[in-house]
Amino acid sequence: MNTLNQAAATQKPAQRSLTMTLKNIAPWLYLLPFLVFFGIFQLYPIFYGLFVSLTKWDLVSDPQFVGLTNYINLFTKDTLYWTALRNTGLFVALNAPLAIVIPLGLAMLVNESIPGRDIFRSAFTAPLMISVSSVGVLWVWFLNPTLGLINHYFRILGIPEQNWLAQNGWAMVAVVITTVWWNSGWNLVLFLAGLQEIPEQLYDAAKIDGAGPWGLFRYVTLPGLRPTVLFVGVTTIIGSFRVFGQVFVMTSGGPFDSTRTVVQHIYETGFRYFRMGNASAIAWSLFLIVLVFTVLQFRFMNESEE
């Protein structure tokens, strides 16, 4: 009898230990399918791309290890890379501020109780439903120099018509306008969600203290939206660096490479000229640039918060 009691006494802690172990493992079992897909389709291509960037490979023969030659050639011989990098930087500088400020203003507008608010919300977010190829074709038609809507209204208003997609200066502007129109709805939804999380009591207290519209925006809305602004800023800049589809459909990088972006350079280097090592080196250089911008954004926002 004493022996059985001793066995039961020793079994209970073991069972508790097994139960605790299963409880600790259970969350990882739920995450396992995601981790498997993330490893296969995200992590593996990233590190395989790093390996390819150190090789000379045409997709047919075996990769030949060349060390840092692709990176050295990229910075010393590939003049088209610098053109693409300059164009991408210009696109980011023009697109990112507009893609943050315009959706913020629209979100503040449709957050108020105005007539037709739901219609405005639907209209502003509707472009998100359109594919990138359709957006490109649609705006090529809008910007057509003779039949396009934009020049039609320019003629009515007496403004000189523009050959938007065939002029160096206007082609990038046209791509930026298209992108802001297409993507603003997503940032608007995020800002709208952020605005609705700000307690109404804060606005009431600020009004009692004499704050006007600018004071309410500066001391209540902006601090309340700080996490949303950080998220929107980071994702918008990352997305701007990756611009490709609408540019490829609208201008194919022209005129005279004035809208050629880094991602288009990666695509053509890899899949048109079959220089996969060079294409991977360009991709990794873009990854590092985006990483630096992201870290700087987080550091700037943290310092502002302190």
Protein backbone atom coordinates (compact mmCIF):
# COMPACT_ATOMS: atom_id res chain seq x y z
CA MET A 1 0.00 0.00 0.00
CA ASN A 2 2.78 2.36 0.95
CA THR A 3 4.53 1.51 -2.35
CA LEU A 4 1.42 2.48 -4.43
CA ASN A 5 1.09 5.78 -2.65
CA GLN A 6 4.71 6.54 -3.30
CA ALA A 7 4.22 5.73 -7.03
CA ALA A 8 1.19 8.02 -7.26
CA ALA A 9 3.07 10.75 -5.48
CA THR A 10 5.94 10.50 -7.92
CA GLN A 11 3.60 10.31 -10.98
CA LYS A 12 1.69 13.53 -10.35
CA PRO A 13 4.64 15.89 -10.73
CA ALA A 14 5.59 14.03 -13.90
CA GLN A 15 2.10 14.51 -15.31
CA ARG A 16 2.15 18.17 -14.37
CA SER A 17 5.49 18.53 -16.09
CA LEU A 18 4.14 16.82 -19.23
CA THR A 19 1.05 19.06 -19.20
CA MET A 20 3.21 22.19 -18.89
CA THR A 21 5.42 20.99 -21.71
CA LEU A 22 2.41 20.42 -23.99
CA LYS A 23 1.06 23.86 -23.09
CA ASN A 24 4.37 25.43 -24.06
CA ILE A 25 4.54 23.51 -27.32
CA ALA A 26 0.90 24.08 -28.35
CA PRO A 27 1.31 27.72 -29.54
CA TRP A 28 4.27 26.71 -31.70
CA LEU A 29 2.20 23.91 -33.26
CA TYR A 30 -0.40 26.50 -34.28
CA LEU A 31 2.36 28.66 -35.76
CA LEU A 32 4.09 25.75 -37.48
CA PRO A 33 2.23 25.99 -40.86
CA PHE A 34 3.02 29.72 -41.09
CA LEU A 35 6.65 29.19 -40.08
CA VAL A 36 7.06 26.46 -42.71
CA PHE A 37 5.63 28.64 -45.49
CA PHE A 38 7.59 31.68 -44.25
CA GLY A 39 10.80 29.70 -44.26
CA ILE A 40 10.23 28.20 -47.72
CA PHE A 41 8.84 31.23 -49.54
CA GLN A 42 10.50 34.15 -47.66
CA LEU A 43 13.69 33.24 -45.79
CA TYR A 44 15.04 30.68 -48.24
CA PRO A 45 14.72 32.96 -51.33
CA ILE A 46 16.37 35.83 -49.42
CA PHE A 47 19.47 33.85 -48.50
CA TYR A 48 19.54 31.98 -51.81
CA GLY A 49 19.48 35.40 -53.51
CA LEU A 50 22.50 36.40 -51.42
CA PHE A 51 24.30 33.27 -52.64
CA VAL A 52 23.32 33.97 -56.27
CA SER A 53 24.59 37.56 -55.96
CA LEU A 54 28.07 36.10 -55.40
CA THR A 55 27.93 34.03 -58.58
CA LYS A 56 27.82 34.34 -62.35
CA TRP A 57 24.66 32.51 -63.46
CA ASP A 58 22.55 32.57 -66.64
CA LEU A 59 19.80 30.20 -65.41
CA VAL A 60 21.09 27.47 -67.81
CA SER A 61 24.63 26.58 -66.77
CA ASP A 62 25.80 25.96 -63.21
CA PRO A 63 26.46 29.07 -61.04
CA GLN A 64 30.16 30.08 -60.92
CA PHE A 65 31.34 31.69 -57.68
CA VAL A 66 32.81 35.16 -58.40
CA GLY A 67 32.85 36.67 -54.89
CA LEU A 68 32.08 40.40 -54.73
CA THR A 69 32.60 40.99 -58.45
CA ASN A 70 28.91 41.66 -59.10
CA TYR A 71 28.80 44.29 -56.35
CA ILE A 72 32.01 45.94 -57.55
CA ASN A 73 30.71 46.05 -61.14
CA LEU A 74 27.40 47.41 -59.90
CA PHE A 75 29.01 50.45 -58.29
CA THR A 76 31.78 51.03 -60.86
CA LYS A 77 30.45 49.98 -64.30
CA ASP A 78 26.65 49.81 -64.27
CA THR A 79 25.69 53.42 -65.07
CA LEU A 80 22.08 52.37 -65.66
CA TYR A 81 21.91 51.28 -62.00
CA TRP A 82 22.70 54.83 -60.85
CA THR A 83 20.07 56.22 -63.21
CA ALA A 84 17.50 53.77 -61.83
CA LEU A 85 18.54 54.55 -58.25
CA ARG A 86 18.22 58.31 -58.85
CA ASN A 87 14.78 57.85 -60.43
CA THR A 88 13.63 55.64 -57.56
CA GLY A 89 14.85 58.19 -55.01
CA LEU A 90 12.96 60.94 -56.88
CA PHE A 91 9.83 58.80 -56.91
CA VAL A 92 10.11 58.13 -53.16
CA ALA A 93 10.68 61.84 -52.43
CA LEU A 94 7.60 62.85 -54.46
CA ASN A 95 5.26 59.98 -53.69
CA ALA A 96 5.80 59.30 -49.97
CA PRO A 97 4.81 62.76 -48.61
CA LEU A 98 1.74 62.94 -50.87
CA ALA A 99 0.74 59.36 -50.02
CA ILE A 100 0.77 60.29 -46.32
CA VAL A 101 -0.60 63.85 -46.26
CA ILE A 102 -3.48 63.41 -48.76
CA PRO A 103 -4.94 60.26 -47.10
CA LEU A 104 -4.59 61.91 -43.68
CA GLY A 105 -6.57 64.94 -44.87
CA LEU A 106 -9.21 62.74 -46.51
CA ALA A 107 -9.47 60.55 -43.40
CA MET A 108 -10.04 63.61 -41.23
CA LEU A 109 -12.72 64.76 -43.71
CA VAL A 110 -14.67 61.49 -43.81
CA ASN A 111 -14.26 61.04 -40.04
CA GLU A 112 -16.60 64.00 -39.57
CA SER A 113 -20.38 63.79 -39.81
CA ILE A 114 -20.71 65.23 -43.30
CA PRO A 115 -23.49 64.48 -45.83
CA GLY A 116 -22.65 61.49 -48.02
CA ARG A 117 -19.81 60.36 -45.78
CA ASP A 118 -20.19 56.68 -46.66
CA ILE A 119 -20.20 57.49 -50.39
CA PHE A 120 -16.97 59.45 -50.02
CA ARG A 121 -15.37 56.62 -48.05
CA SER A 122 -16.29 54.12 -50.78
CA ALA A 123 -15.13 56.44 -53.57
CA PHE A 124 -11.74 57.12 -51.95
CA THR A 125 -11.02 53.43 -51.30
CA ALA A 126 -12.45 52.03 -54.57
CA PRO A 127 -9.15 52.32 -56.56
CA LEU A 128 -7.66 49.69 -54.25
CA MET A 129 -9.82 47.10 -55.98
CA ILE A 130 -8.19 47.74 -59.37
CA SER A 131 -5.18 45.69 -60.46
CA VAL A 132 -1.91 47.41 -61.28
CA SER A 133 -2.15 46.62 -65.02
CA SER A 134 -5.67 48.08 -65.21
CA VAL A 135 -4.54 51.18 -63.32
CA GLY A 136 -1.67 51.65 -65.76
CA VAL A 137 -3.86 51.25 -68.86
CA LEU A 138 -6.55 53.52 -67.39
CA TRP A 139 -4.12 56.34 -66.67
CA VAL A 140 -2.40 55.97 -70.04
CA TRP A 141 -5.81 56.76 -71.51
CA PHE A 142 -6.41 59.64 -69.05
CA LEU A 143 -3.02 61.14 -69.98
CA ASN A 144 -3.29 60.64 -73.73
CA PRO A 145 -2.10 63.93 -75.32
CA THR A 146 -5.03 64.19 -77.78
CA LEU A 147 -7.90 62.05 -76.44
CA GLY A 148 -7.13 61.99 -72.69
CA LEU A 149 -9.39 63.51 -70.04
CA ILE A 150 -6.62 65.53 -68.40
CA ASN A 151 -5.71 67.49 -71.52
CA HIS A 152 -9.44 67.83 -72.35
CA TYR A 153 -10.01 69.74 -69.11
CA PHE A 154 -6.75 71.65 -69.63
CA ARG A 155 -8.14 72.87 -72.98
CA ILE A 156 -11.39 73.95 -71.31
CA LEU A 157 -9.48 75.86 -68.62
CA GLY A 158 -7.04 77.39 -71.12
CA ILE A 159 -4.02 75.60 -69.62
CA PRO A 160 -1.33 74.45 -72.09
CA GLU A 161 -1.70 70.74 -72.93
CA GLN A 162 1.09 68.35 -71.98
CA ASN A 163 2.47 65.24 -73.59
CA TRP A 164 2.59 63.66 -70.14
CA LEU A 165 4.28 60.31 -70.73
CA ALA A 166 6.68 61.44 -73.48
CA GLN A 167 8.42 64.31 -71.64
CA ASN A 168 11.25 63.80 -69.19
CA GLY A 169 9.85 66.05 -66.46
CA TRP A 170 6.18 65.14 -66.72
CA ALA A 171 6.52 61.34 -67.04
CA MET A 172 7.62 60.86 -63.42
CA VAL A 173 4.98 63.33 -62.23
CA ALA A 174 2.33 61.31 -64.09
CA VAL A 175 3.52 58.09 -62.45
CA VAL A 176 3.42 59.72 -59.00
CA ILE A 177 -0.12 61.07 -59.56
CA THR A 178 -1.25 57.62 -60.68
CA THR A 179 0.31 55.91 -57.67
CA VAL A 180 -1.12 58.39 -55.14
CA TRP A 181 -4.60 58.01 -56.68
CA TRP A 182 -4.32 54.23 -56.62
CA ASN A 183 -2.81 53.65 -53.16
CA SER A 184 -4.22 56.48 -51.04
CA GLY A 185 -7.28 54.44 -50.08
CA TRP A 186 -5.24 51.97 -48.03
CA ASN A 187 -3.52 54.69 -45.98
CA LEU A 188 -6.89 56.43 -45.60
CA VAL A 189 -8.35 53.29 -43.99
CA LEU A 190 -5.42 53.11 -41.57
CA PHE A 191 -5.67 56.79 -40.62
CA LEU A 192 -9.44 56.49 -40.22
CA ALA A 193 -8.98 53.57 -37.81
CA GLY A 194 -6.36 55.59 -35.90
CA LEU A 195 -8.63 58.66 -35.67
CA GLN A 196 -11.48 56.63 -34.25
CA GLU A 197 -9.19 55.36 -31.46
CA ILE A 198 -8.57 58.90 -30.14
CA PRO A 199 -10.90 59.54 -27.17
CA GLU A 200 -13.42 62.32 -27.83
CA GLN A 201 -12.84 63.60 -24.27
CA LEU A 202 -9.37 64.80 -25.30
CA TYR A 203 -10.91 67.06 -27.96
CA ASP A 204 -13.49 68.35 -25.46
CA ALA A 205 -10.78 69.13 -22.89
CA ALA A 206 -8.65 70.90 -25.52
CA LYS A 207 -11.64 73.00 -26.64
CA ILE A 208 -12.31 74.04 -23.04
CA ASP A 209 -8.66 75.14 -22.87
CA GLY A 210 -9.26 77.33 -25.93
CA ALA A 211 -7.65 75.21 -28.65
CA GLY A 212 -8.69 76.06 -32.21
CA PRO A 213 -8.71 73.71 -35.25
CA TRP A 214 -4.91 73.90 -35.62
CA GLY A 215 -4.40 73.39 -31.88
CA LEU A 216 -6.68 70.35 -31.89
CA PHE A 217 -4.77 68.87 -34.82
CA ARG A 218 -1.33 69.60 -33.37
CA TYR A 219 -1.87 68.69 -29.73
CA VAL A 220 -4.54 65.96 -29.94
CA THR A 221 -4.80 64.41 -33.40
CA LEU A 222 -1.12 64.14 -34.28
CA PRO A 223 0.02 62.67 -30.91
CA GLY A 224 -2.89 60.23 -31.04
CA LEU A 225 -1.94 59.16 -34.55
CA ARG A 226 1.79 58.76 -33.87
CA PRO A 227 1.85 54.91 -34.10
CA THR A 228 -0.33 55.03 -37.22
CA VAL A 229 1.87 57.67 -38.83
CA LEU A 230 4.96 55.57 -38.12
CA PHE A 231 3.38 52.46 -39.64
CA VAL A 232 2.05 54.32 -42.67
CA GLY A 233 5.38 56.10 -43.17
CA VAL A 234 7.43 52.90 -43.04
CA THR A 235 5.13 50.89 -45.30
CA THR A 236 4.71 53.76 -47.77
CA ILE A 237 8.45 54.30 -48.16
CA ILE A 238 9.11 50.57 -48.52
CA GLY A 239 6.33 50.34 -51.11
CA SER A 240 7.68 53.40 -52.95
CA PHE A 241 11.13 51.86 -53.25
CA ARG A 242 9.50 48.75 -54.78
CA VAL A 243 7.56 50.66 -57.46
CA PHE A 244 7.46 48.74 -60.73
CA GLY A 245 4.09 47.63 -62.18
CA GLN A 246 2.49 50.97 -63.01
CA VAL A 247 5.80 52.34 -64.32
CA PHE A 248 6.33 49.34 -66.57
CA VAL A 249 2.80 49.56 -68.01
CA MET A 250 2.72 53.34 -68.44
CA THR A 251 6.22 54.20 -69.65
CA SER A 252 8.39 51.03 -69.68
CA GLY A 253 11.00 53.19 -67.99
CA GLY A 254 11.00 55.93 -70.66
CA PRO A 255 11.32 58.45 -72.03
CA PHE A 256 15.12 58.09 -72.15
CA ASP A 257 15.16 56.04 -68.91
CA SER A 258 13.73 58.99 -66.95
CA THR A 259 11.24 56.72 -65.12
CA ARG A 260 13.33 53.55 -65.02
CA THR A 261 13.32 52.25 -61.43
CA VAL A 262 15.59 49.87 -59.54
CA VAL A 263 13.03 47.05 -59.56
CA GLN A 264 12.65 47.35 -63.33
CA HIS A 265 16.44 47.23 -63.61
CA ILE A 266 16.43 44.03 -61.51
CA TYR A 267 13.71 42.49 -63.68
CA GLU A 268 15.39 43.29 -67.00
CA THR A 269 18.88 42.34 -65.82
CA GLY A 270 17.66 38.98 -64.55
CA PHE A 271 14.91 37.91 -66.93
CA ARG A 272 15.75 39.76 -70.14
CA TYR A 273 19.56 39.50 -70.12
CA PHE A 274 19.76 36.39 -67.85
CA ARG A 275 22.44 37.87 -65.57
CA MET A 276 20.98 36.51 -62.34
CA GLY A 277 24.08 37.25 -60.26
CA ASN A 278 23.99 40.95 -61.21
CA ALA A 279 20.22 41.09 -60.66
CA SER A 280 20.58 39.56 -57.18
CA ALA A 281 23.33 42.05 -56.29
CA ILE A 282 21.03 44.92 -57.31
CA ALA A 283 18.20 43.39 -55.26
CA TRP A 284 20.40 43.13 -52.18
CA SER A 285 21.60 46.72 -52.58
CA LEU A 286 17.94 47.83 -52.66
CA PHE A 287 17.18 45.71 -49.60
CA LEU A 288 20.00 47.37 -47.65
CA ILE A 289 18.89 50.87 -48.70
CA VAL A 290 15.30 50.17 -47.58
CA LEU A 291 16.60 48.67 -44.32
CA VAL A 292 18.61 51.83 -43.57
CA PHE A 293 15.61 54.08 -44.25
CA THR A 294 13.39 51.90 -42.03
CA VAL A 295 15.85 51.94 -39.12
CA LEU A 296 16.26 55.73 -39.44
CA GLN A 297 12.48 56.18 -39.38
CA PHE A 298 12.09 54.12 -36.21
CA ARG A 299 14.98 55.96 -34.55
CA PHE A 300 13.59 59.36 -35.54
CA MET A 301 10.13 58.49 -34.23
CA ASN A 302 11.53 57.12 -30.96
CA GLU A 303 13.59 60.29 -30.40
CA SER A 304 10.52 62.44 -31.13
CA GLU A 305 8.51 60.42 -28.61
CA GLU A 306 11.17 60.90 -25.92
